[in-house]
């Protein structure tokens, strides 16, 4: 991870204020293509750079960005997105993980699985349902960022896979409190 951070492979699109290069998406595409030309199997770079971190850039508060983005650009913080669930697969309308607001916190209840970077992740963008009053299952969906080390944040075992051994896969969430 340190070598990836030193070579500026992490989050090139992030604003320079937070340690990024303010590069366009093409820069990230070249990084992933070059890594795959030599068969690294490190598709976690793309997930971190191009899927999870852009949510943090777009929707987090200034304070959260200042806390997480500089470390995401150096590889000190690795991100994942908790979307897939047992029984629901990647159909977000079928997820069962819920987040109920309790004062300034959310209580998340559910579990996720098959999450790239999930075993080593420091930040997880968790897909959950937050408003049961809305009829459309897709419009009830929210994203919450959860930090590793949060009380009751529980990671499952690293999954043993047939291929892609250089990328970790795993993850579990159960009864998680998230501080607003």
N, C-alpha and C. Protein backbone atom coordinates (compact mmCIF):
# COMPACT_ATOMS: atom_id res chain seq x y z
N UNK A 1 0.82 -1.19 0.00
CA UNK A 1 0.00 0.00 0.00
C UNK A 1 0.87 1.27 0.00
N UNK A 2 1.93 1.23 0.78
CA UNK A 2 2.80 2.40 0.84
C UNK A 2 3.39 2.72 -0.53
N UNK A 3 3.79 1.68 -1.26
CA UNK A 3 4.39 1.90 -2.57
C UNK A 3 3.36 2.51 -3.53
N UNK A 4 2.12 2.03 -3.48
CA UNK A 4 1.05 2.60 -4.30
C UNK A 4 0.82 4.06 -3.97
N UNK A 5 0.91 4.41 -2.70
CA UNK A 5 0.75 5.80 -2.28
C UNK A 5 1.90 6.67 -2.74
N UNK A 6 3.12 6.16 -2.62
CA UNK A 6 4.29 6.93 -3.05
C UNK A 6 4.29 7.18 -4.55
N UNK A 7 3.78 6.24 -5.33
CA UNK A 7 3.76 6.39 -6.78
C UNK A 7 2.51 7.12 -7.27
N UNK A 8 1.68 7.57 -6.34
CA UNK A 8 0.48 8.36 -6.64
C UNK A 8 -0.56 7.55 -7.41
N UNK A 9 -0.66 6.25 -7.14
CA UNK A 9 -1.64 5.40 -7.78
C UNK A 9 -3.02 5.51 -7.14
N UNK A 10 -3.08 6.02 -5.91
CA UNK A 10 -4.35 6.09 -5.20
C UNK A 10 -5.05 7.43 -5.43
N UNK A 11 -6.29 7.35 -5.82
CA UNK A 11 -7.20 8.51 -5.89
C UNK A 11 -6.63 9.69 -6.68
N UNK A 12 -6.20 9.47 -7.90
CA UNK A 12 -5.62 10.59 -8.66
C UNK A 12 -6.63 11.70 -8.94
N UNK A 13 -7.92 11.38 -8.91
CA UNK A 13 -8.94 12.38 -9.20
C UNK A 13 -9.22 13.32 -8.04
N UNK A 14 -8.78 12.96 -6.84
CA UNK A 14 -9.05 13.78 -5.66
C UNK A 14 -8.38 15.14 -5.80
N UNK A 15 -9.05 16.16 -5.32
CA UNK A 15 -8.54 17.52 -5.37
C UNK A 15 -7.18 17.61 -4.68
N UNK A 16 -6.31 18.43 -5.21
CA UNK A 16 -4.96 18.63 -4.64
C UNK A 16 -5.01 19.09 -3.18
N UNK A 17 -6.06 19.79 -2.81
CA UNK A 17 -6.22 20.25 -1.41
C UNK A 17 -6.17 19.06 -0.45
N UNK A 18 -6.65 17.90 -0.91
CA UNK A 18 -6.68 16.70 -0.07
C UNK A 18 -5.57 15.71 -0.41
N UNK A 19 -4.61 16.12 -1.21
CA UNK A 19 -3.47 15.26 -1.52
C UNK A 19 -3.54 14.54 -2.84
N UNK A 20 -4.61 14.74 -3.61
CA UNK A 20 -4.74 14.10 -4.91
C UNK A 20 -4.02 14.88 -6.00
N UNK A 21 -4.21 14.44 -7.21
CA UNK A 21 -3.58 15.09 -8.36
C UNK A 21 -4.56 15.93 -9.16
N UNK A 22 -5.84 15.88 -8.79
CA UNK A 22 -6.90 16.58 -9.53
C UNK A 22 -6.90 16.13 -10.99
N UNK A 23 -6.59 14.85 -11.22
CA UNK A 23 -6.51 14.30 -12.57
C UNK A 23 -7.90 13.86 -13.05
N UNK A 24 -8.04 13.71 -14.36
CA UNK A 24 -9.32 13.23 -14.89
C UNK A 24 -9.38 11.71 -14.81
N UNK A 25 -10.55 11.16 -15.14
CA UNK A 25 -10.79 9.73 -15.02
C UNK A 25 -9.82 8.90 -15.87
N UNK A 26 -9.37 9.46 -16.97
CA UNK A 26 -8.45 8.74 -17.84
C UNK A 26 -7.16 8.31 -17.13
N UNK A 27 -6.70 9.12 -16.20
CA UNK A 27 -5.49 8.79 -15.43
C UNK A 27 -5.70 7.50 -14.65
N UNK A 28 -6.84 7.40 -14.01
CA UNK A 28 -7.16 6.21 -13.24
C UNK A 28 -7.32 4.99 -14.14
N UNK A 29 -7.90 5.18 -15.30
CA UNK A 29 -8.07 4.08 -16.25
C UNK A 29 -6.70 3.53 -16.66
N UNK A 30 -5.76 4.41 -16.93
CA UNK A 30 -4.42 3.97 -17.32
C UNK A 30 -3.76 3.18 -16.19
N UNK A 31 -3.90 3.63 -14.96
CA UNK A 31 -3.33 2.89 -13.82
C UNK A 31 -3.86 1.47 -13.79
N UNK A 32 -5.18 1.32 -13.88
CA UNK A 32 -5.79 -0.01 -13.81
C UNK A 32 -5.37 -0.86 -15.01
N UNK A 33 -5.37 -0.27 -16.21
CA UNK A 33 -4.95 -1.02 -17.39
C UNK A 33 -3.52 -1.52 -17.27
N UNK A 34 -2.63 -0.68 -16.81
CA UNK A 34 -1.22 -1.07 -16.69
C UNK A 34 -1.04 -2.15 -15.62
N UNK A 35 -1.77 -2.05 -14.53
CA UNK A 35 -1.68 -3.08 -13.50
C UNK A 35 -2.18 -4.42 -14.04
N UNK A 36 -3.22 -4.38 -14.85
CA UNK A 36 -3.78 -5.62 -15.38
C UNK A 36 -2.99 -6.18 -16.56
N UNK A 37 -2.24 -5.33 -17.25
CA UNK A 37 -1.38 -5.83 -18.33
C UNK A 37 -0.38 -6.86 -17.81
N UNK A 38 0.06 -6.65 -16.59
CA UNK A 38 1.03 -7.59 -16.01
C UNK A 38 0.35 -8.62 -15.11
N UNK A 39 -0.99 -8.62 -15.10
CA UNK A 39 -1.74 -9.66 -14.41
C UNK A 39 -1.71 -9.58 -12.89
N UNK A 40 -1.76 -8.37 -12.34
CA UNK A 40 -1.71 -8.25 -10.88
C UNK A 40 -2.97 -8.74 -10.20
N UNK A 41 -4.12 -8.62 -10.85
CA UNK A 41 -5.38 -8.98 -10.21
C UNK A 41 -5.77 -8.00 -9.12
N UNK A 42 -5.19 -6.82 -9.14
CA UNK A 42 -5.45 -5.82 -8.10
C UNK A 42 -6.63 -4.92 -8.47
N UNK A 43 -7.79 -5.53 -8.72
CA UNK A 43 -8.94 -4.70 -9.08
C UNK A 43 -9.45 -3.88 -7.91
N UNK A 44 -8.90 -4.08 -6.74
CA UNK A 44 -9.25 -3.26 -5.59
C UNK A 44 -8.81 -1.81 -5.74
N UNK A 45 -7.77 -1.56 -6.55
CA UNK A 45 -7.35 -0.19 -6.84
C UNK A 45 -8.51 0.57 -7.47
N UNK A 46 -9.10 -0.03 -8.50
CA UNK A 46 -10.20 0.60 -9.21
C UNK A 46 -11.41 0.80 -8.31
N UNK A 47 -11.70 -0.16 -7.47
CA UNK A 47 -12.83 -0.01 -6.56
C UNK A 47 -12.60 1.15 -5.59
N UNK A 48 -11.41 1.21 -5.03
CA UNK A 48 -11.06 2.29 -4.10
C UNK A 48 -11.08 3.64 -4.81
N UNK A 49 -10.37 3.74 -5.94
CA UNK A 49 -10.21 5.01 -6.65
C UNK A 49 -11.49 5.49 -7.33
N UNK A 50 -12.21 4.58 -7.96
CA UNK A 50 -13.26 4.97 -8.90
C UNK A 50 -14.68 4.70 -8.44
N UNK A 51 -14.86 3.98 -7.35
CA UNK A 51 -16.21 3.68 -6.88
C UNK A 51 -16.45 4.24 -5.49
N UNK A 52 -15.68 3.80 -4.50
CA UNK A 52 -15.95 4.20 -3.12
C UNK A 52 -15.55 5.65 -2.83
N UNK A 53 -14.33 6.03 -3.16
CA UNK A 53 -13.86 7.38 -2.83
C UNK A 53 -14.67 8.48 -3.52
N UNK A 54 -15.11 8.31 -4.77
CA UNK A 54 -15.95 9.35 -5.36
C UNK A 54 -17.24 9.65 -4.58
N UNK A 55 -17.80 8.66 -3.91
CA UNK A 55 -18.96 8.93 -3.04
C UNK A 55 -18.57 9.85 -1.89
N UNK A 56 -17.40 9.61 -1.33
CA UNK A 56 -16.93 10.45 -0.22
C UNK A 56 -16.66 11.86 -0.73
N UNK A 57 -16.05 11.97 -1.91
CA UNK A 57 -15.80 13.29 -2.50
C UNK A 57 -17.11 14.06 -2.73
N UNK A 58 -18.11 13.36 -3.21
CA UNK A 58 -19.36 14.02 -3.62
C UNK A 58 -20.31 14.32 -2.46
N UNK A 59 -20.35 13.48 -1.44
CA UNK A 59 -21.43 13.59 -0.46
C UNK A 59 -21.01 13.82 0.99
N UNK A 60 -19.75 13.68 1.31
CA UNK A 60 -19.34 13.84 2.70
C UNK A 60 -19.14 15.32 3.05
N UNK A 61 -19.11 15.57 4.35
CA UNK A 61 -18.88 16.93 4.83
C UNK A 61 -17.41 17.30 4.61
N UNK A 62 -17.13 18.58 4.70
CA UNK A 62 -15.75 19.07 4.57
C UNK A 62 -14.85 18.41 5.62
N UNK A 63 -15.36 18.29 6.84
CA UNK A 63 -14.57 17.69 7.93
C UNK A 63 -14.26 16.22 7.63
N UNK A 64 -15.25 15.49 7.11
CA UNK A 64 -15.01 14.09 6.76
C UNK A 64 -14.00 13.98 5.63
N UNK A 65 -14.13 14.83 4.63
CA UNK A 65 -13.17 14.82 3.53
C UNK A 65 -11.75 15.10 4.04
N UNK A 66 -11.62 16.08 4.93
CA UNK A 66 -10.30 16.42 5.48
C UNK A 66 -9.72 15.26 6.29
N UNK A 67 -10.56 14.49 6.93
CA UNK A 67 -10.10 13.36 7.74
C UNK A 67 -9.74 12.15 6.89
N UNK A 68 -10.52 11.87 5.82
CA UNK A 68 -10.36 10.62 5.09
C UNK A 68 -9.60 10.73 3.78
N UNK A 69 -9.82 11.78 3.01
CA UNK A 69 -9.24 11.82 1.66
C UNK A 69 -7.72 11.88 1.62
N UNK A 70 -7.05 12.70 2.47
CA UNK A 70 -5.58 12.68 2.40
C UNK A 70 -4.99 11.29 2.65
N UNK A 71 -5.56 10.56 3.57
CA UNK A 71 -5.06 9.20 3.85
C UNK A 71 -5.46 8.22 2.75
N UNK A 72 -6.58 8.47 2.08
CA UNK A 72 -6.98 7.62 0.96
C UNK A 72 -6.03 7.78 -0.21
N UNK A 73 -5.46 8.98 -0.39
CA UNK A 73 -4.53 9.21 -1.51
C UNK A 73 -3.16 8.59 -1.26
N UNK A 74 -2.81 8.35 -0.01
CA UNK A 74 -1.52 7.74 0.30
C UNK A 74 -1.61 6.23 0.51
N UNK A 75 -2.81 5.70 0.56
CA UNK A 75 -2.99 4.28 0.81
C UNK A 75 -3.05 3.93 2.29
N UNK A 76 -2.98 4.95 3.15
CA UNK A 76 -3.11 4.70 4.60
C UNK A 76 -4.52 4.26 4.94
N UNK A 77 -5.50 4.71 4.15
CA UNK A 77 -6.90 4.35 4.31
C UNK A 77 -7.35 3.68 3.03
N UNK A 78 -7.91 2.49 3.15
CA UNK A 78 -8.45 1.75 2.01
C UNK A 78 -9.96 1.70 2.16
N UNK A 79 -10.65 1.86 1.04
CA UNK A 79 -12.11 1.90 1.08
C UNK A 79 -12.72 0.69 0.37
N UNK A 80 -13.98 0.47 0.69
CA UNK A 80 -14.77 -0.59 0.06
C UNK A 80 -16.20 -0.09 0.00
N UNK A 81 -17.03 -0.81 -0.74
CA UNK A 81 -18.45 -0.50 -0.76
C UNK A 81 -19.20 -1.77 -0.39
N UNK A 82 -20.01 -1.70 0.68
CA UNK A 82 -20.80 -2.83 1.17
C UNK A 82 -22.17 -2.80 0.51
N UNK A 83 -22.32 -3.58 -0.53
CA UNK A 83 -23.56 -3.57 -1.29
C UNK A 83 -24.19 -4.96 -1.31
N UNK A 84 -23.44 -5.97 -1.70
CA UNK A 84 -23.95 -7.31 -1.89
C UNK A 84 -24.36 -7.95 -0.57
N UNK A 85 -25.50 -8.64 -0.58
CA UNK A 85 -26.00 -9.32 0.61
C UNK A 85 -26.33 -10.77 0.29
N UNK A 86 -26.23 -11.63 1.30
CA UNK A 86 -26.69 -13.01 1.10
C UNK A 86 -28.17 -12.98 0.71
N UNK A 87 -28.53 -13.66 -0.34
CA UNK A 87 -29.92 -13.74 -0.77
C UNK A 87 -30.36 -12.63 -1.70
N UNK A 88 -29.69 -11.48 -1.68
CA UNK A 88 -30.08 -10.36 -2.54
C UNK A 88 -29.10 -10.17 -3.68
N UNK A 89 -27.90 -10.71 -3.54
CA UNK A 89 -26.89 -10.49 -4.57
C UNK A 89 -26.61 -9.01 -4.72
N UNK A 90 -26.53 -8.55 -5.95
CA UNK A 90 -26.26 -7.14 -6.18
C UNK A 90 -27.53 -6.36 -6.53
N UNK A 91 -28.70 -6.97 -6.35
CA UNK A 91 -29.97 -6.29 -6.58
C UNK A 91 -30.26 -5.39 -5.39
N UNK A 92 -29.97 -4.11 -5.53
CA UNK A 92 -30.11 -3.19 -4.40
C UNK A 92 -31.54 -3.08 -3.89
N UNK A 93 -32.52 -3.31 -4.75
CA UNK A 93 -33.92 -3.26 -4.30
C UNK A 93 -34.21 -4.38 -3.31
N UNK A 94 -33.44 -5.44 -3.36
CA UNK A 94 -33.68 -6.59 -2.49
C UNK A 94 -32.87 -6.60 -1.21
N UNK A 95 -32.09 -5.56 -0.93
CA UNK A 95 -31.28 -5.58 0.28
C UNK A 95 -32.16 -5.50 1.52
N UNK A 96 -31.66 -6.04 2.60
CA UNK A 96 -32.41 -6.03 3.86
C UNK A 96 -31.73 -5.22 4.95
N UNK A 97 -30.50 -4.78 4.71
CA UNK A 97 -29.79 -3.98 5.70
C UNK A 97 -30.53 -2.66 5.90
N UNK A 98 -30.78 -2.33 7.16
CA UNK A 98 -31.50 -1.10 7.48
C UNK A 98 -30.62 -0.17 8.30
N UNK A 99 -30.95 1.10 8.25
CA UNK A 99 -30.29 2.10 9.09
C UNK A 99 -31.39 2.96 9.68
N UNK A 100 -31.48 2.96 10.99
CA UNK A 100 -32.50 3.73 11.69
C UNK A 100 -31.82 4.84 12.46
N UNK A 101 -32.31 6.06 12.26
CA UNK A 101 -31.73 7.21 12.93
C UNK A 101 -32.07 7.17 14.41
N UNK A 102 -31.03 7.40 15.23
CA UNK A 102 -31.18 7.44 16.68
C UNK A 102 -30.39 8.66 17.17
N UNK A 103 -31.06 9.82 17.22
CA UNK A 103 -30.37 11.06 17.57
C UNK A 103 -29.40 11.44 16.48
N UNK A 104 -28.11 11.58 16.83
CA UNK A 104 -27.07 11.93 15.85
C UNK A 104 -26.41 10.71 15.24
N UNK A 105 -26.94 9.54 15.49
CA UNK A 105 -26.35 8.31 14.99
C UNK A 105 -27.36 7.53 14.16
N UNK A 106 -26.85 6.59 13.42
CA UNK A 106 -27.68 5.60 12.75
C UNK A 106 -27.34 4.25 13.35
N UNK A 107 -28.32 3.43 13.52
CA UNK A 107 -28.09 2.05 13.92
C UNK A 107 -28.32 1.20 12.68
N UNK A 108 -27.24 0.59 12.21
CA UNK A 108 -27.30 -0.23 11.00
C UNK A 108 -27.41 -1.68 11.43
N UNK A 109 -28.33 -2.38 10.81
CA UNK A 109 -28.51 -3.78 11.13
C UNK A 109 -28.61 -4.55 9.82
N UNK A 110 -27.70 -5.48 9.63
CA UNK A 110 -27.68 -6.30 8.43
C UNK A 110 -26.30 -6.84 8.20
N UNK A 111 -26.13 -7.48 7.08
CA UNK A 111 -24.80 -7.97 6.74
C UNK A 111 -24.55 -7.88 5.25
N UNK A 112 -23.30 -7.79 4.90
CA UNK A 112 -22.86 -7.70 3.51
C UNK A 112 -21.85 -8.81 3.28
N UNK A 113 -21.70 -9.19 2.02
CA UNK A 113 -20.74 -10.23 1.71
C UNK A 113 -20.14 -9.99 0.32
N UNK A 114 -19.07 -10.70 0.00
CA UNK A 114 -18.37 -10.58 -1.28
C UNK A 114 -17.97 -9.15 -1.57
N UNK A 115 -17.32 -8.52 -0.62
CA UNK A 115 -16.94 -7.12 -0.74
C UNK A 115 -15.43 -7.02 -1.04
N UNK A 116 -15.11 -6.55 -2.22
CA UNK A 116 -13.71 -6.34 -2.60
C UNK A 116 -13.11 -5.28 -1.67
N UNK A 117 -11.94 -5.53 -1.16
CA UNK A 117 -11.23 -4.70 -0.18
C UNK A 117 -11.87 -4.79 1.20
N UNK A 118 -12.90 -5.58 1.37
CA UNK A 118 -13.66 -5.61 2.62
C UNK A 118 -12.87 -6.06 3.83
N UNK A 119 -11.95 -6.96 3.64
CA UNK A 119 -11.20 -7.48 4.79
C UNK A 119 -10.22 -6.45 5.34
N UNK A 120 -9.60 -5.68 4.46
CA UNK A 120 -8.60 -4.70 4.89
C UNK A 120 -9.14 -3.27 4.94
N UNK A 121 -10.40 -3.08 4.58
CA UNK A 121 -10.96 -1.73 4.46
C UNK A 121 -10.94 -0.98 5.78
N UNK A 122 -10.62 0.30 5.67
CA UNK A 122 -10.68 1.23 6.81
C UNK A 122 -11.97 2.03 6.78
N UNK A 123 -12.53 2.21 5.58
CA UNK A 123 -13.80 2.91 5.37
C UNK A 123 -14.66 2.05 4.47
N UNK A 124 -15.92 1.92 4.84
CA UNK A 124 -16.85 1.17 4.00
C UNK A 124 -18.07 2.03 3.73
N UNK A 125 -18.37 2.23 2.46
CA UNK A 125 -19.60 2.89 2.06
C UNK A 125 -20.66 1.80 2.09
N UNK A 126 -21.61 1.91 3.02
CA UNK A 126 -22.60 0.86 3.25
C UNK A 126 -23.93 1.26 2.61
N UNK A 127 -24.45 0.39 1.79
CA UNK A 127 -25.75 0.58 1.16
C UNK A 127 -26.81 0.01 2.09
N UNK A 128 -27.80 0.84 2.44
CA UNK A 128 -28.83 0.40 3.39
C UNK A 128 -30.14 1.11 3.10
N UNK A 129 -31.22 0.60 3.67
CA UNK A 129 -32.53 1.23 3.54
C UNK A 129 -32.76 2.10 4.76
N UNK A 130 -33.20 3.34 4.53
CA UNK A 130 -33.37 4.26 5.64
C UNK A 130 -34.79 4.77 5.83
N UNK A 131 -35.64 4.71 4.83
CA UNK A 131 -36.98 5.28 4.98
C UNK A 131 -38.03 4.28 4.53
N UNK A 132 -38.63 3.60 5.47
CA UNK A 132 -39.61 2.56 5.14
C UNK A 132 -40.94 3.14 4.64
N UNK A 133 -41.14 4.44 4.78
CA UNK A 133 -42.39 5.07 4.33
C UNK A 133 -42.44 5.26 2.82
N UNK A 134 -41.28 5.31 2.18
CA UNK A 134 -41.22 5.48 0.73
C UNK A 134 -41.54 4.14 0.08
N UNK A 135 -42.45 4.15 -0.87
CA UNK A 135 -42.89 2.89 -1.50
C UNK A 135 -41.85 2.29 -2.42
N UNK A 136 -41.15 3.10 -3.19
CA UNK A 136 -40.16 2.59 -4.13
C UNK A 136 -38.93 2.08 -3.38
N UNK A 137 -38.64 0.79 -3.54
CA UNK A 137 -37.49 0.19 -2.85
C UNK A 137 -36.19 0.89 -3.21
N UNK A 138 -36.05 1.36 -4.45
CA UNK A 138 -34.82 2.02 -4.87
C UNK A 138 -34.66 3.40 -4.24
N UNK A 139 -35.75 4.09 -3.98
CA UNK A 139 -35.67 5.43 -3.40
C UNK A 139 -35.46 5.41 -1.89
N UNK A 140 -35.58 4.26 -1.27
CA UNK A 140 -35.33 4.13 0.18
C UNK A 140 -33.84 3.92 0.48
N UNK A 141 -33.05 3.76 -0.53
CA UNK A 141 -31.65 3.38 -0.35
C UNK A 141 -30.79 4.61 -0.03
N UNK A 142 -29.93 4.44 0.96
CA UNK A 142 -28.98 5.48 1.36
C UNK A 142 -27.58 4.88 1.44
N UNK A 143 -26.60 5.75 1.45
CA UNK A 143 -25.21 5.35 1.62
C UNK A 143 -24.69 5.98 2.90
N UNK A 144 -24.10 5.17 3.77
CA UNK A 144 -23.48 5.66 5.00
C UNK A 144 -22.04 5.19 5.01
N UNK A 145 -21.13 6.05 5.44
CA UNK A 145 -19.72 5.67 5.53
C UNK A 145 -19.44 5.22 6.96
N UNK A 146 -18.85 4.05 7.08
CA UNK A 146 -18.54 3.47 8.38
C UNK A 146 -17.04 3.24 8.46
N UNK A 147 -16.45 3.67 9.56
CA UNK A 147 -15.01 3.47 9.77
C UNK A 147 -14.75 2.18 10.51
N UNK A 148 -13.70 1.48 10.10
CA UNK A 148 -13.25 0.32 10.86
C UNK A 148 -12.90 0.80 12.26
N UNK A 149 -13.17 0.00 13.25
CA UNK A 149 -12.92 0.40 14.63
C UNK A 149 -14.15 0.97 15.30
N UNK A 150 -15.19 1.25 14.51
CA UNK A 150 -16.45 1.70 15.10
C UNK A 150 -16.98 0.58 15.98
N UNK A 151 -17.46 0.90 17.19
CA UNK A 151 -18.00 -0.16 18.05
C UNK A 151 -19.03 -1.00 17.31
N UNK A 152 -18.90 -2.29 17.45
CA UNK A 152 -19.77 -3.31 16.88
C UNK A 152 -19.64 -3.47 15.36
N UNK A 153 -18.65 -2.80 14.78
CA UNK A 153 -18.33 -3.03 13.37
C UNK A 153 -17.57 -4.35 13.35
N UNK A 154 -18.09 -5.31 12.67
CA UNK A 154 -17.50 -6.64 12.69
C UNK A 154 -17.19 -7.11 11.28
N UNK A 155 -15.92 -7.37 11.03
CA UNK A 155 -15.52 -7.91 9.73
C UNK A 155 -15.52 -9.43 9.83
N UNK A 156 -16.05 -10.06 8.80
CA UNK A 156 -16.02 -11.51 8.74
C UNK A 156 -14.66 -11.99 8.28
N UNK A 157 -14.53 -13.29 8.15
CA UNK A 157 -13.25 -13.84 7.71
C UNK A 157 -12.97 -13.50 6.26
N UNK A 158 -11.70 -13.49 5.92
CA UNK A 158 -11.28 -13.28 4.54
C UNK A 158 -11.70 -14.53 3.76
N UNK A 159 -12.40 -14.34 2.66
CA UNK A 159 -12.90 -15.47 1.90
C UNK A 159 -11.78 -16.13 1.10
N UNK A 160 -11.79 -17.43 1.05
CA UNK A 160 -10.87 -18.21 0.24
C UNK A 160 -11.48 -18.34 -1.14
N UNK A 161 -10.86 -17.76 -2.16
CA UNK A 161 -11.44 -17.76 -3.49
C UNK A 161 -10.66 -18.66 -4.43
N UNK A 162 -11.30 -19.03 -5.53
CA UNK A 162 -10.64 -19.85 -6.54
C UNK A 162 -9.61 -19.01 -7.29
N UNK A 163 -9.92 -17.75 -7.57
CA UNK A 163 -9.00 -16.86 -8.29
C UNK A 163 -8.87 -15.54 -7.56
N UNK A 164 -8.18 -14.61 -8.15
CA UNK A 164 -7.96 -13.27 -7.62
C UNK A 164 -7.44 -13.28 -6.18
N UNK A 165 -6.41 -14.04 -5.96
CA UNK A 165 -5.84 -14.16 -4.60
C UNK A 165 -5.18 -12.88 -4.11
N UNK A 166 -4.80 -12.00 -5.03
CA UNK A 166 -4.14 -10.76 -4.60
C UNK A 166 -5.13 -9.73 -4.09
N UNK A 167 -6.42 -9.98 -4.28
CA UNK A 167 -7.46 -9.08 -3.78
C UNK A 167 -8.22 -9.75 -2.66
N UNK A 168 -8.35 -9.04 -1.55
CA UNK A 168 -9.12 -9.62 -0.47
C UNK A 168 -10.61 -9.45 -0.73
N UNK A 169 -11.38 -10.39 -0.26
CA UNK A 169 -12.83 -10.32 -0.35
C UNK A 169 -13.39 -10.83 0.97
N UNK A 170 -14.29 -10.08 1.52
CA UNK A 170 -14.92 -10.48 2.76
C UNK A 170 -15.65 -9.30 3.34
N UNK A 171 -16.37 -9.49 4.43
CA UNK A 171 -16.99 -8.37 5.10
C UNK A 171 -18.29 -8.78 5.75
N UNK A 172 -18.59 -8.18 6.87
CA UNK A 172 -19.83 -8.43 7.56
C UNK A 172 -20.13 -7.22 8.42
N UNK A 173 -21.37 -6.81 8.47
CA UNK A 173 -21.80 -5.74 9.36
C UNK A 173 -22.92 -6.29 10.22
N UNK A 174 -22.89 -5.97 11.49
CA UNK A 174 -23.97 -6.38 12.37
C UNK A 174 -24.16 -5.35 13.46
N UNK A 175 -25.39 -4.88 13.66
CA UNK A 175 -25.74 -3.93 14.73
C UNK A 175 -24.71 -2.82 14.89
N UNK A 176 -24.61 -2.00 13.90
CA UNK A 176 -23.54 -1.01 13.85
C UNK A 176 -24.09 0.38 14.12
N UNK A 177 -23.44 1.11 15.00
CA UNK A 177 -23.79 2.51 15.25
C UNK A 177 -22.86 3.37 14.42
N UNK A 178 -23.41 4.34 13.77
CA UNK A 178 -22.62 5.25 12.95
C UNK A 178 -22.83 6.65 13.45
N UNK A 179 -21.76 7.35 13.77
CA UNK A 179 -21.82 8.72 14.27
C UNK A 179 -22.00 9.68 13.12
N UNK A 180 -23.00 10.54 13.19
CA UNK A 180 -23.26 11.51 12.13
C UNK A 180 -22.12 12.49 12.03
